Amino acid sequence: MVVNGEKSESIQVRSGVPQGTVIGPVLFIIMVSDIGVSLVNKMSMYADDTRLFGQVKNEDDAKQMQEDLNRIYAWAEKNNMEFNSKKI
């Protein structure tokens, strides 16, 4: 792609998508599109931030939230992705 008459040099990419590419965000959306398929609680995503939320009023609700978290982390492992759980 040429932008303002300038073209970047080509490089071989062995895995992933280089940051700053035009197609990178689209590929990321495709990659994560199935993350919340089997969740009971709600999930929100914005760019690369993902949040799971719901009301926990009793022990069953807490158990369900934990099961959803387990599903998300299992999805991440299956798809070779990592979450930054320390980020708040």
C-alpha atoms as a PDB file:
ATOM      1  CA  MET A   1       0.000   0.000   0.000  1.00  0.00           C
ATOM      2  CA  VAL A   2       1.225   3.468  -0.823  1.00  0.00           C
ATOM      3  CA  VAL A   3       0.406   6.349   1.544  1.00  0.00           C
ATOM      4  CA  ASN A   4       1.272   9.910   0.496  1.00  0.00           C
ATOM      5  CA  GLY A   5       3.628   8.508  -2.114  1.00  0.00           C
ATOM      6  CA  GLU A   6       5.571   6.456   0.453  1.00  0.00           C
ATOM      7  CA  LYS A   7       5.758   2.681   0.652  1.00  0.00           C
ATOM      8  CA  SER A   8       7.198   0.601   3.504  1.00  0.00           C
ATOM      9  CA  GLU A   9       9.758  -2.096   2.831  1.00  0.00           C
ATOM     10  CA  SER A  10       8.454  -5.657   2.740  1.00  0.00           C
ATOM     11  CA  ILE A  11       9.437  -8.026   5.529  1.00  0.00           C
ATOM     12  CA  GLN A  12       8.714 -11.692   6.158  1.00  0.00           C
ATOM     13  CA  VAL A  13       6.200 -12.217   8.972  1.00  0.00           C
ATOM     14  CA  ARG A  14       6.335 -15.685  10.504  1.00  0.00           C
ATOM     15  CA  SER A  15       3.451 -15.292  12.954  1.00  0.00           C
ATOM     16  CA  GLY A  16       1.054 -12.698  14.258  1.00  0.00           C
ATOM     17  CA  VAL A  17       0.291  -9.359  12.665  1.00  0.00           C
ATOM     18  CA  PRO A  18       2.760  -6.458  12.802  1.00  0.00           C
ATOM     19  CA  GLN A  19       1.489  -3.518  14.831  1.00  0.00           C
ATOM     20  CA  GLY A  20       0.466  -0.500  12.856  1.00  0.00           C
ATOM     21  CA  THR A  21      -0.910  -2.424   9.891  1.00  0.00           C
ATOM     22  CA  VAL A  22      -4.227  -1.526   8.325  1.00  0.00           C
ATOM     23  CA  ILE A  23      -5.506  -5.096   8.451  1.00  0.00           C
ATOM     24  CA  GLY A  24      -4.299  -5.799  12.027  1.00  0.00           C
ATOM     25  CA  PRO A  25      -7.460  -4.606  13.826  1.00  0.00           C
ATOM     26  CA  VAL A  26      -9.694  -6.564  11.453  1.00  0.00           C
ATOM     27  CA  LEU A  27      -7.690  -9.754  11.978  1.00  0.00           C
ATOM     28  CA  PHE A  28      -7.821  -9.218  15.750  1.00  0.00           C
ATOM     29  CA  ILE A  29     -11.625  -8.872  15.672  1.00  0.00           C
ATOM     30  CA  ILE A  30     -11.910 -12.049  13.622  1.00  0.00           C
ATOM     31  CA  MET A  31      -9.581 -13.861  16.023  1.00  0.00           C
ATOM     32  CA  VAL A  32     -11.537 -12.946  19.175  1.00  0.00           C
ATOM     33  CA  SER A  33     -15.046 -13.024  17.719  1.00  0.00           C
ATOM     34  CA  ASP A  34     -15.943 -16.329  19.417  1.00  0.00           C
ATOM     35  CA  ILE A  35     -14.569 -15.583  22.888  1.00  0.00           C
ATOM     36  CA  GLY A  36     -17.945 -14.951  24.530  1.00  0.00           C
ATOM     37  CA  VAL A  37     -20.052 -17.578  22.754  1.00  0.00           C
ATOM     38  CA  SER A  38     -20.787 -19.818  25.760  1.00  0.00           C
ATOM     39  CA  LEU A  39     -20.740 -17.279  28.601  1.00  0.00           C
ATOM     40  CA  VAL A  40     -23.644 -16.783  30.993  1.00  0.00           C
ATOM     41  CA  ASN A  41     -22.464 -13.397  32.296  1.00  0.00           C
ATOM     42  CA  LYS A  42     -21.942 -10.343  30.113  1.00  0.00           C
ATOM     43  CA  MET A  43     -18.710  -9.402  28.448  1.00  0.00           C
ATOM     44  CA  SER A  44     -17.617  -6.103  26.950  1.00  0.00           C
ATOM     45  CA  MET A  45     -14.743  -5.534  24.580  1.00  0.00           C
ATOM     46  CA  TYR A  46     -13.132  -2.354  23.342  1.00  0.00           C
ATOM     47  CA  ALA A  47     -10.022  -2.657  21.203  1.00  0.00           C
ATOM     48  CA  ASP A  48      -7.897  -5.142  23.162  1.00  0.00           C
ATOM     49  CA  ASP A  49      -9.635  -4.638  26.533  1.00  0.00           C
ATOM     50  CA  THR A  50     -12.033  -7.369  27.646  1.00  0.00           C
ATOM     51  CA  ARG A  51     -14.222  -7.286  30.752  1.00  0.00           C
ATOM     52  CA  LEU A  52     -16.539  -9.888  32.206  1.00  0.00           C
ATOM     53  CA  PHE A  53     -19.292  -8.576  34.430  1.00  0.00           C
ATOM     54  CA  GLY A  54     -22.524  -9.605  36.089  1.00  0.00           C
ATOM     55  CA  GLN A  55     -24.369  -9.504  39.385  1.00  0.00           C
ATOM     56  CA  VAL A  56     -23.140 -11.847  42.094  1.00  0.00           C
ATOM     57  CA  LYS A  57     -25.892 -12.064  44.697  1.00  0.00           C
ATOM     58  CA  ASN A  58     -25.299 -15.571  45.997  1.00  0.00           C
ATOM     59  CA  GLU A  59     -22.960 -18.539  45.884  1.00  0.00           C
ATOM     60  CA  ASP A  60     -24.483 -19.887  42.656  1.00  0.00           C
ATOM     61  CA  ASP A  61     -23.849 -16.543  40.932  1.00  0.00           C
ATOM     62  CA  ALA A  62     -20.239 -16.595  42.157  1.00  0.00           C
ATOM     63  CA  LYS A  63     -19.836 -20.145  40.880  1.00  0.00           C
ATOM     64  CA  GLN A  64     -21.219 -19.166  37.471  1.00  0.00           C
ATOM     65  CA  MET A  65     -18.878 -16.175  37.267  1.00  0.00           C
ATOM     66  CA  GLN A  66     -15.923 -18.441  38.023  1.00  0.00           C
ATOM     67  CA  GLU A  67     -17.059 -20.924  35.374  1.00  0.00           C
ATOM     68  CA  ASP A  68     -17.215 -18.096  32.832  1.00  0.00           C
ATOM     69  CA  LEU A  69     -13.704 -16.975  33.816  1.00  0.00           C
ATOM     70  CA  ASN A  70     -12.506 -20.563  33.409  1.00  0.00           C
ATOM     71  CA  ARG A  71     -14.096 -20.689  29.926  1.00  0.00           C
ATOM     72  CA  ILE A  72     -12.378 -17.444  28.925  1.00  0.00           C
ATOM     73  CA  TYR A  73      -8.966 -18.623  30.122  1.00  0.00           C
ATOM     74  CA  ALA A  74      -9.468 -21.997  28.393  1.00  0.00           C
ATOM     75  CA  TRP A  75     -10.312 -20.092  25.192  1.00  0.00           C
ATOM     76  CA  ALA A  76      -7.159 -18.003  25.573  1.00  0.00           C
ATOM     77  CA  GLU A  77      -4.977 -21.089  26.027  1.00  0.00           C
ATOM     78  CA  LYS A  78      -6.577 -22.818  23.032  1.00  0.00           C
ATOM     79  CA  ASN A  79      -5.962 -19.712  20.881  1.00  0.00           C
ATOM     80  CA  ASN A  80      -2.422 -19.041  22.153  1.00  0.00           C
ATOM     81  CA  MET A  81      -3.397 -15.736  23.725  1.00  0.00           C
ATOM     82  CA  GLU A  82      -2.708 -14.324  27.170  1.00  0.00           C
ATOM     83  CA  PHE A  83      -4.686 -11.952  29.348  1.00  0.00           C
ATOM     84  CA  ASN A  84      -3.059  -9.337  31.524  1.00  0.00           C
ATOM     85  CA  SER A  85      -5.043 -10.116  34.678  1.00  0.00           C
ATOM     86  CA  LYS A  86      -3.054  -7.524  36.681  1.00  0.00           C
ATOM     87  CA  LYS A  87      -4.435  -4.696  34.539  1.00  0.00           C
ATOM     88  CA  ILE A  88      -7.386  -2.946  36.172  1.00  0.00           C
END
